[in-house]
Amino acid sequence: GCIQIHLPILTPTATSSIFTLLCERERERERERRRV
């Protein structure tokens, strides 16, 4: 799953882009699990 967390240190834009990358990785893992 994808969790949206806003860190006070980072700007909302930076935080969203970081979690977007994390979500992409999660999706890739989901695809790998489905293949197996």
PDB file of N, CA and C in Angstrom:
ATOM      1  N   GLY A   1       0.816  -1.202   0.000  1.00  0.00           N
ATOM      2  CA  GLY A   1       0.000   0.000   0.000  1.00  0.00           C
ATOM      3  C   GLY A   1       0.848   1.249   0.000  1.00  0.00           C
ATOM      4  N   CYS A   2       0.160   2.359  -0.208  1.00  0.00           N
ATOM      5  CA  CYS A   2       0.860   3.635  -0.293  1.00  0.00           C
ATOM      6  C   CYS A   2       0.438   4.526   0.875  1.00  0.00           C
ATOM      7  N   ILE A   3       1.398   4.989   1.648  1.00  0.00           N
ATOM      8  CA  ILE A   3       1.079   5.818   2.813  1.00  0.00           C
ATOM      9  C   ILE A   3       1.593   7.234   2.592  1.00  0.00           C
ATOM     10  N   GLN A   4       0.702   8.197   2.729  1.00  0.00           N
ATOM     11  CA  GLN A   4       1.091   9.588   2.567  1.00  0.00           C
ATOM     12  C   GLN A   4       1.429  10.200   3.919  1.00  0.00           C
ATOM     13  N   ILE A   5       2.703  10.539   4.118  1.00  0.00           N
ATOM     14  CA  ILE A   5       3.132  11.169   5.366  1.00  0.00           C
ATOM     15  C   ILE A   5       3.870  12.461   5.034  1.00  0.00           C
ATOM     16  N   HIS A   6       3.483  13.542   5.677  1.00  0.00           N
ATOM     17  CA  HIS A   6       4.147  14.813   5.423  1.00  0.00           C
ATOM     18  C   HIS A   6       5.132  15.119   6.537  1.00  0.00           C
ATOM     19  N   LEU A   7       6.415  15.100   6.180  1.00  0.00           N
ATOM     20  CA  LEU A   7       7.448  15.386   7.167  1.00  0.00           C
ATOM     21  C   LEU A   7       7.651  16.902   7.275  1.00  0.00           C
ATOM     22  N   PRO A   8       7.677  17.414   8.495  1.00  0.00           N
ATOM     23  CA  PRO A   8       7.813  18.858   8.721  1.00  0.00           C
ATOM     24  C   PRO A   8       9.131  19.423   8.192  1.00  0.00           C
ATOM     25  N   ILE A   9      10.134  18.554   8.057  1.00  0.00           N
ATOM     26  CA  ILE A   9      11.442  19.017   7.587  1.00  0.00           C
ATOM     27  C   ILE A   9      11.396  19.311   6.091  1.00  0.00           C
ATOM     28  N   LEU A  10      10.651  18.490   5.364  1.00  0.00           N
ATOM     29  CA  LEU A  10      10.597  18.634   3.916  1.00  0.00           C
ATOM     30  C   LEU A  10       9.383  19.426   3.490  1.00  0.00           C
ATOM     31  N   THR A  11       9.462  20.000   2.307  1.00  0.00           N
ATOM     32  CA  THR A  11       8.326  20.717   1.752  1.00  0.00           C
ATOM     33  C   THR A  11       7.322  19.702   1.230  1.00  0.00           C
ATOM     34  N   PRO A  12       6.041  20.064   1.182  1.00  0.00           N
ATOM     35  CA  PRO A  12       5.007  19.142   0.688  1.00  0.00           C
ATOM     36  C   PRO A  12       5.351  18.563  -0.680  1.00  0.00           C
ATOM     37  N   THR A  13       5.957  19.360  -1.540  1.00  0.00           N
ATOM     38  CA  THR A  13       6.312  18.898  -2.880  1.00  0.00           C
ATOM     39  C   THR A  13       7.379  17.826  -2.807  1.00  0.00           C
ATOM     40  N   ALA A  14       8.412  18.076  -2.010  1.00  0.00           N
ATOM     41  CA  ALA A  14       9.495  17.104  -1.863  1.00  0.00           C
ATOM     42  C   ALA A  14       8.969  15.819  -1.237  1.00  0.00           C
ATOM     43  N   THR A  15       8.137  15.980  -0.217  1.00  0.00           N
ATOM     44  CA  THR A  15       7.577  14.817   0.468  1.00  0.00           C
ATOM     45  C   THR A  15       6.723  13.983  -0.480  1.00  0.00           C
ATOM     46  N   SER A  16       5.876  14.647  -1.256  1.00  0.00           N
ATOM     47  CA  SER A  16       4.991  13.921  -2.167  1.00  0.00           C
ATOM     48  C   SER A  16       5.788  13.188  -3.237  1.00  0.00           C
ATOM     49  N   SER A  17       6.849  13.827  -3.740  1.00  0.00           N
ATOM     50  CA  SER A  17       7.649  13.173  -4.775  1.00  0.00           C
ATOM     51  C   SER A  17       8.393  11.969  -4.219  1.00  0.00           C
ATOM     52  N   ILE A  18       8.869  12.082  -2.977  1.00  0.00           N
ATOM     53  CA  ILE A  18       9.551  10.956  -2.337  1.00  0.00           C
ATOM     54  C   ILE A  18       8.599   9.788  -2.174  1.00  0.00           C
ATOM     55  N   PHE A  19       7.394  10.066  -1.684  1.00  0.00           N
ATOM     56  CA  PHE A  19       6.439   8.985  -1.463  1.00  0.00           C
ATOM     57  C   PHE A  19       5.897   8.446  -2.776  1.00  0.00           C
ATOM     58  N   THR A  20       5.934   9.270  -3.824  1.00  0.00           N
ATOM     59  CA  THR A  20       5.540   8.777  -5.140  1.00  0.00           C
ATOM     60  C   THR A  20       6.517   7.703  -5.588  1.00  0.00           C
ATOM     61  N   LEU A  21       7.809   7.939  -5.337  1.00  0.00           N
ATOM     62  CA  LEU A  21       8.830   6.950  -5.685  1.00  0.00           C
ATOM     63  C   LEU A  21       8.640   5.685  -4.863  1.00  0.00           C
ATOM     64  N   LEU A  22       8.318   5.864  -3.579  1.00  0.00           N
ATOM     65  CA  LEU A  22       8.102   4.706  -2.710  1.00  0.00           C
ATOM     66  C   LEU A  22       6.900   3.903  -3.187  1.00  0.00           C
ATOM     67  N   CYS A  23       5.865   4.599  -3.629  1.00  0.00           N
ATOM     68  CA  CYS A  23       4.662   3.921  -4.121  1.00  0.00           C
ATOM     69  C   CYS A  23       4.983   3.131  -5.378  1.00  0.00           C
ATOM     70  N   GLU A  24       5.814   3.706  -6.235  1.00  0.00           N
ATOM     71  CA  GLU A  24       6.210   3.004  -7.457  1.00  0.00           C
ATOM     72  C   GLU A  24       6.946   1.716  -7.119  1.00  0.00           C
ATOM     73  N   ARG A  25       7.806   1.780  -6.110  1.00  0.00           N
ATOM     74  CA  ARG A  25       8.550   0.590  -5.703  1.00  0.00           C
ATOM     75  C   ARG A  25       7.600  -0.458  -5.169  1.00  0.00           C
ATOM     76  N   GLU A  26       6.613  -0.013  -4.402  1.00  0.00           N
ATOM     77  CA  GLU A  26       5.627  -0.948  -3.855  1.00  0.00           C
ATOM     78  C   GLU A  26       4.874  -1.629  -4.985  1.00  0.00           C
ATOM     79  N   ARG A  27       4.518  -0.871  -6.023  1.00  0.00           N
ATOM     80  CA  ARG A  27       3.787  -1.426  -7.154  1.00  0.00           C
ATOM     81  C   ARG A  27       4.630  -2.457  -7.875  1.00  0.00           C
ATOM     82  N   GLU A  28       5.926  -2.173  -8.003  1.00  0.00           N
ATOM     83  CA  GLU A  28       6.833  -3.125  -8.660  1.00  0.00           C
ATOM     84  C   GLU A  28       6.892  -4.420  -7.870  1.00  0.00           C
ATOM     85  N   ARG A  29       6.930  -4.314  -6.546  1.00  0.00           N
ATOM     86  CA  ARG A  29       6.981  -5.500  -5.698  1.00  0.00           C
ATOM     87  C   ARG A  29       5.700  -6.302  -5.848  1.00  0.00           C
ATOM     88  N   GLU A  30       4.573  -5.595  -5.944  1.00  0.00           N
ATOM     89  CA  GLU A  30       3.283  -6.275  -6.111  1.00  0.00           C
ATOM     90  C   GLU A  30       3.282  -7.060  -7.423  1.00  0.00           C
ATOM     91  N   ARG A  31       3.837  -6.461  -8.469  1.00  0.00           N
ATOM     92  CA  ARG A  31       3.872  -7.120  -9.773  1.00  0.00           C
ATOM     93  C   ARG A  31       4.738  -8.369  -9.709  1.00  0.00           C
ATOM     94  N   GLU A  32       5.883  -8.251  -9.006  1.00  0.00           N
ATOM     95  CA  GLU A  32       6.789  -9.396  -8.882  1.00  0.00           C
ATOM     96  C   GLU A  32       6.106 -10.547  -8.151  1.00  0.00           C
ATOM     97  N   ARG A  33       5.330 -10.226  -7.127  1.00  0.00           N
ATOM     98  CA  ARG A  33       4.627 -11.252  -6.363  1.00  0.00           C
ATOM     99  C   ARG A  33       3.590 -11.948  -7.235  1.00  0.00           C
ATOM    100  N   ARG A  34       2.937 -11.183  -8.094  1.00  0.00           N
ATOM    101  CA  ARG A  34       1.900 -11.751  -8.953  1.00  0.00           C
ATOM    102  C   ARG A  34       2.505 -12.693  -9.985  1.00  0.00           C
ATOM    103  N   ARG A  35       3.731 -12.378 -10.443  1.00  0.00           N
ATOM    104  CA  ARG A  35       4.383 -13.210 -11.441  1.00  0.00           C
ATOM    105  C   ARG A  35       4.714 -14.566 -10.846  1.00  0.00           C
ATOM    106  N   VAL A  36       5.121 -14.561  -9.594  1.00  0.00           N
ATOM    107  CA  VAL A  36       5.464 -15.810  -8.925  1.00  0.00           C
ATOM    108  C   VAL A  36       4.171 -16.426  -8.385  1.00  0.00           C
TER     109      VAL A  36
END
